Amino acid sequence: MRPLRVPQTTSRCASMRRSPAAIVTSEDVVKQKPAPDIFLEAARRIGVAPQFCRAYEDTDLGMMAIRAANMEAIDVRELLRPH
């Protein structure tokens, strides 16, 4: 198994109360966003059907990929905008 490389921005910006059950990177799938493969692989690894998953994204291509995976899509850009 190859060592996991988590982008620094991901590890620095992610505010999680517990470790994620699975981390999937672009290196783990053949088709990149906007294909849903990366999100479908994450769902497979945690053993949850995609329709019961929620994914967070900060790009238009990522939002398209989440929706193509039939998951609930949360655009974090909206959460970061000043009100």
N, C-alpha and C. Protein backbone atom coordinates (compact mmCIF):
# COMPACT_ATOMS: atom_id res chain seq x y z
N MET A 1 0.85 -1.18 0.00
CA MET A 1 0.00 0.00 0.00
C MET A 1 0.89 1.24 0.00
N ARG A 2 0.59 2.16 -0.88
CA ARG A 2 1.42 3.37 -0.96
C ARG A 2 1.08 4.33 0.17
N PRO A 3 2.05 5.15 0.60
CA PRO A 3 1.76 6.10 1.68
C PRO A 3 0.74 7.13 1.24
N LEU A 4 -0.09 7.54 2.17
CA LEU A 4 -1.13 8.53 1.90
C LEU A 4 -0.54 9.91 1.96
N ARG A 5 -0.82 10.70 0.93
CA ARG A 5 -0.38 12.09 0.91
C ARG A 5 -1.61 12.97 0.91
N VAL A 6 -1.87 13.63 2.02
CA VAL A 6 -3.02 14.53 2.11
C VAL A 6 -2.51 15.94 1.86
N PRO A 7 -3.14 16.65 0.91
CA PRO A 7 -2.69 18.03 0.66
C PRO A 7 -2.70 18.85 1.93
N GLN A 8 -1.68 19.69 2.08
CA GLN A 8 -1.55 20.49 3.29
C GLN A 8 -2.77 21.36 3.53
N THR A 9 -3.33 21.92 2.47
CA THR A 9 -4.50 22.78 2.66
C THR A 9 -5.67 21.98 3.20
N THR A 10 -5.79 20.73 2.76
CA THR A 10 -6.88 19.89 3.26
C THR A 10 -6.70 19.63 4.74
N SER A 11 -5.51 19.21 5.13
CA SER A 11 -5.30 18.89 6.54
C SER A 11 -5.33 20.13 7.42
N ARG A 12 -4.91 21.26 6.88
CA ARG A 12 -4.89 22.49 7.67
C ARG A 12 -6.28 23.10 7.80
N CYS A 13 -7.09 23.03 6.73
CA CYS A 13 -8.38 23.68 6.73
C CYS A 13 -9.51 22.80 7.24
N ALA A 14 -9.34 21.51 7.16
CA ALA A 14 -10.42 20.62 7.58
C ALA A 14 -10.58 20.69 9.09
N SER A 15 -11.78 20.99 9.51
CA SER A 15 -12.07 21.05 10.93
C SER A 15 -13.00 19.89 11.25
N MET A 16 -12.41 18.76 11.61
CA MET A 16 -13.20 17.57 11.88
C MET A 16 -13.05 17.17 13.34
N ARG A 17 -14.13 16.70 13.90
CA ARG A 17 -14.09 16.28 15.30
C ARG A 17 -13.45 14.92 15.46
N ARG A 18 -13.47 14.13 14.40
CA ARG A 18 -12.82 12.83 14.42
C ARG A 18 -12.23 12.56 13.05
N SER A 19 -11.35 11.61 12.97
CA SER A 19 -10.70 11.29 11.71
C SER A 19 -11.70 10.76 10.70
N PRO A 20 -11.52 11.09 9.44
CA PRO A 20 -12.44 10.57 8.42
C PRO A 20 -12.30 9.06 8.30
N ALA A 21 -13.39 8.41 7.94
CA ALA A 21 -13.38 6.95 7.79
C ALA A 21 -12.57 6.53 6.57
N ALA A 22 -12.50 7.40 5.58
CA ALA A 22 -11.73 7.11 4.36
C ALA A 22 -11.29 8.41 3.72
N ILE A 23 -10.12 8.36 3.12
CA ILE A 23 -9.64 9.50 2.35
C ILE A 23 -9.37 8.98 0.95
N VAL A 24 -9.95 9.64 -0.03
CA VAL A 24 -9.77 9.26 -1.42
C VAL A 24 -9.19 10.47 -2.15
N THR A 25 -8.15 10.25 -2.91
CA THR A 25 -7.53 11.33 -3.68
C THR A 25 -7.68 11.05 -5.18
N SER A 26 -7.31 12.01 -5.98
CA SER A 26 -7.39 11.85 -7.44
C SER A 26 -6.51 10.69 -7.93
N GLU A 27 -5.51 10.31 -7.14
CA GLU A 27 -4.64 9.21 -7.51
C GLU A 27 -5.33 7.85 -7.35
N ASP A 28 -6.47 7.82 -6.67
CA ASP A 28 -7.17 6.57 -6.40
C ASP A 28 -8.21 6.21 -7.46
N VAL A 29 -8.46 7.10 -8.39
CA VAL A 29 -9.49 6.86 -9.42
C VAL A 29 -8.92 7.18 -10.80
N VAL A 30 -9.56 6.60 -11.82
CA VAL A 30 -9.12 6.83 -13.20
C VAL A 30 -9.71 8.13 -13.74
N LYS A 31 -11.01 8.29 -13.59
CA LYS A 31 -11.68 9.48 -14.11
C LYS A 31 -11.72 10.57 -13.04
N GLN A 32 -11.33 11.78 -13.45
CA GLN A 32 -11.31 12.92 -12.54
C GLN A 32 -12.63 13.68 -12.60
N LYS A 33 -12.81 14.60 -11.67
CA LYS A 33 -14.00 15.45 -11.66
C LYS A 33 -14.09 16.17 -13.01
N PRO A 34 -15.26 16.28 -13.58
CA PRO A 34 -16.58 16.18 -13.00
C PRO A 34 -17.18 14.77 -12.98
N ALA A 35 -16.40 13.75 -13.33
CA ALA A 35 -16.89 12.38 -13.17
C ALA A 35 -17.09 12.11 -11.68
N PRO A 36 -18.06 11.30 -11.31
CA PRO A 36 -18.37 11.07 -9.90
C PRO A 36 -17.46 10.04 -9.22
N ASP A 37 -16.48 9.51 -9.92
CA ASP A 37 -15.70 8.37 -9.43
C ASP A 37 -15.08 8.56 -8.05
N ILE A 38 -14.51 9.72 -7.78
CA ILE A 38 -13.84 9.93 -6.49
C ILE A 38 -14.84 9.87 -5.32
N PHE A 39 -16.04 10.39 -5.53
CA PHE A 39 -17.06 10.36 -4.49
C PHE A 39 -17.67 8.98 -4.35
N LEU A 40 -17.84 8.29 -5.47
CA LEU A 40 -18.36 6.92 -5.41
C LEU A 40 -17.37 5.98 -4.71
N GLU A 41 -16.08 6.20 -4.94
CA GLU A 41 -15.07 5.39 -4.27
C GLU A 41 -15.07 5.65 -2.77
N ALA A 42 -15.23 6.88 -2.37
CA ALA A 42 -15.31 7.20 -0.93
C ALA A 42 -16.50 6.50 -0.29
N ALA A 43 -17.65 6.54 -0.95
CA ALA A 43 -18.84 5.87 -0.43
C ALA A 43 -18.61 4.37 -0.33
N ARG A 44 -17.98 3.80 -1.35
CA ARG A 44 -17.70 2.35 -1.33
C ARG A 44 -16.80 1.99 -0.15
N ARG A 45 -15.77 2.80 0.08
CA ARG A 45 -14.82 2.50 1.16
C ARG A 45 -15.44 2.57 2.55
N ILE A 46 -16.42 3.44 2.72
CA ILE A 46 -17.04 3.52 4.05
C ILE A 46 -18.29 2.65 4.14
N GLY A 47 -18.67 2.03 3.03
CA GLY A 47 -19.79 1.10 3.05
C GLY A 47 -21.15 1.76 3.16
N VAL A 48 -21.29 2.95 2.55
CA VAL A 48 -22.56 3.68 2.60
C VAL A 48 -23.01 3.94 1.16
N ALA A 49 -24.28 3.68 0.88
CA ALA A 49 -24.81 3.95 -0.46
C ALA A 49 -24.70 5.45 -0.76
N PRO A 50 -24.32 5.80 -1.98
CA PRO A 50 -24.13 7.22 -2.32
C PRO A 50 -25.32 8.12 -1.98
N GLN A 51 -26.53 7.63 -2.15
CA GLN A 51 -27.70 8.49 -1.89
C GLN A 51 -27.83 8.85 -0.41
N PHE A 52 -27.08 8.18 0.46
CA PHE A 52 -27.11 8.50 1.88
C PHE A 52 -25.86 9.27 2.33
N CYS A 53 -25.09 9.76 1.36
CA CYS A 53 -23.85 10.49 1.65
C CYS A 53 -24.04 11.99 1.43
N ARG A 54 -23.25 12.74 2.14
CA ARG A 54 -23.17 14.20 1.97
C ARG A 54 -21.70 14.51 1.69
N ALA A 55 -21.46 15.33 0.67
CA ALA A 55 -20.09 15.68 0.33
C ALA A 55 -19.94 17.19 0.29
N TYR A 56 -18.76 17.65 0.65
CA TYR A 56 -18.45 19.07 0.72
C TYR A 56 -17.42 19.39 -0.36
N GLU A 57 -17.62 20.49 -1.06
CA GLU A 57 -16.75 20.80 -2.20
C GLU A 57 -16.61 22.31 -2.34
N ASP A 58 -15.51 22.71 -2.98
CA ASP A 58 -15.26 24.14 -3.17
C ASP A 58 -15.01 24.51 -4.63
N THR A 59 -15.41 23.63 -5.56
CA THR A 59 -15.26 23.94 -6.98
C THR A 59 -16.53 23.56 -7.74
N ASP A 60 -16.73 24.20 -8.88
CA ASP A 60 -17.88 23.87 -9.72
C ASP A 60 -17.80 22.43 -10.22
N LEU A 61 -16.60 22.00 -10.66
CA LEU A 61 -16.44 20.63 -11.14
C LEU A 61 -16.74 19.62 -10.04
N GLY A 62 -16.31 19.92 -8.83
CA GLY A 62 -16.58 19.04 -7.70
C GLY A 62 -18.06 18.95 -7.39
N MET A 63 -18.74 20.08 -7.46
CA MET A 63 -20.19 20.07 -7.22
C MET A 63 -20.91 19.23 -8.27
N MET A 64 -20.46 19.32 -9.53
CA MET A 64 -21.04 18.51 -10.58
C MET A 64 -20.80 17.02 -10.30
N ALA A 65 -19.60 16.68 -9.83
CA ALA A 65 -19.26 15.29 -9.54
C ALA A 65 -20.10 14.73 -8.40
N ILE A 66 -20.31 15.53 -7.36
CA ILE A 66 -21.13 15.08 -6.23
C ILE A 66 -22.55 14.80 -6.69
N ARG A 67 -23.11 15.71 -7.45
CA ARG A 67 -24.48 15.52 -7.94
C ARG A 67 -24.57 14.31 -8.86
N ALA A 68 -23.54 14.09 -9.69
CA ALA A 68 -23.53 12.93 -10.58
C ALA A 68 -23.44 11.62 -9.79
N ALA A 69 -22.88 11.70 -8.58
CA ALA A 69 -22.79 10.53 -7.70
C ALA A 69 -24.08 10.31 -6.92
N ASN A 70 -25.05 11.20 -7.11
CA ASN A 70 -26.35 11.11 -6.41
C ASN A 70 -26.20 11.31 -4.90
N MET A 71 -25.32 12.25 -4.53
CA MET A 71 -25.10 12.58 -3.13
C MET A 71 -25.60 13.99 -2.84
N GLU A 72 -25.81 14.27 -1.57
CA GLU A 72 -26.14 15.64 -1.17
C GLU A 72 -24.87 16.48 -1.30
N ALA A 73 -24.96 17.60 -1.99
CA ALA A 73 -23.80 18.45 -2.25
C ALA A 73 -23.86 19.73 -1.42
N ILE A 74 -22.78 19.99 -0.70
CA ILE A 74 -22.65 21.21 0.09
C ILE A 74 -21.50 22.03 -0.51
N ASP A 75 -21.82 23.22 -0.96
CA ASP A 75 -20.82 24.13 -1.54
C ASP A 75 -20.22 24.95 -0.40
N VAL A 76 -19.00 24.64 -0.01
CA VAL A 76 -18.39 25.33 1.12
C VAL A 76 -18.08 26.79 0.83
N ARG A 77 -18.03 27.15 -0.44
CA ARG A 77 -17.79 28.55 -0.78
C ARG A 77 -18.90 29.44 -0.22
N GLU A 78 -20.11 28.90 -0.19
CA GLU A 78 -21.23 29.66 0.37
C GLU A 78 -21.10 29.83 1.88
N LEU A 79 -20.46 28.86 2.51
CA LEU A 79 -20.27 28.93 3.96
C LEU A 79 -19.17 29.90 4.34
N LEU A 80 -18.26 30.18 3.42
CA LEU A 80 -17.11 31.03 3.71
C LEU A 80 -17.32 32.49 3.33
N ARG A 81 -18.39 32.78 2.61
CA ARG A 81 -18.66 34.16 2.19
C ARG A 81 -19.06 35.01 3.39
N PRO A 82 -18.54 36.24 3.44
CA PRO A 82 -18.96 37.13 4.50
C PRO A 82 -20.45 37.49 4.33
N HIS A 83 -21.14 37.61 5.41
CA HIS A 83 -22.59 37.90 5.36
C HIS A 83 -22.86 39.36 5.57
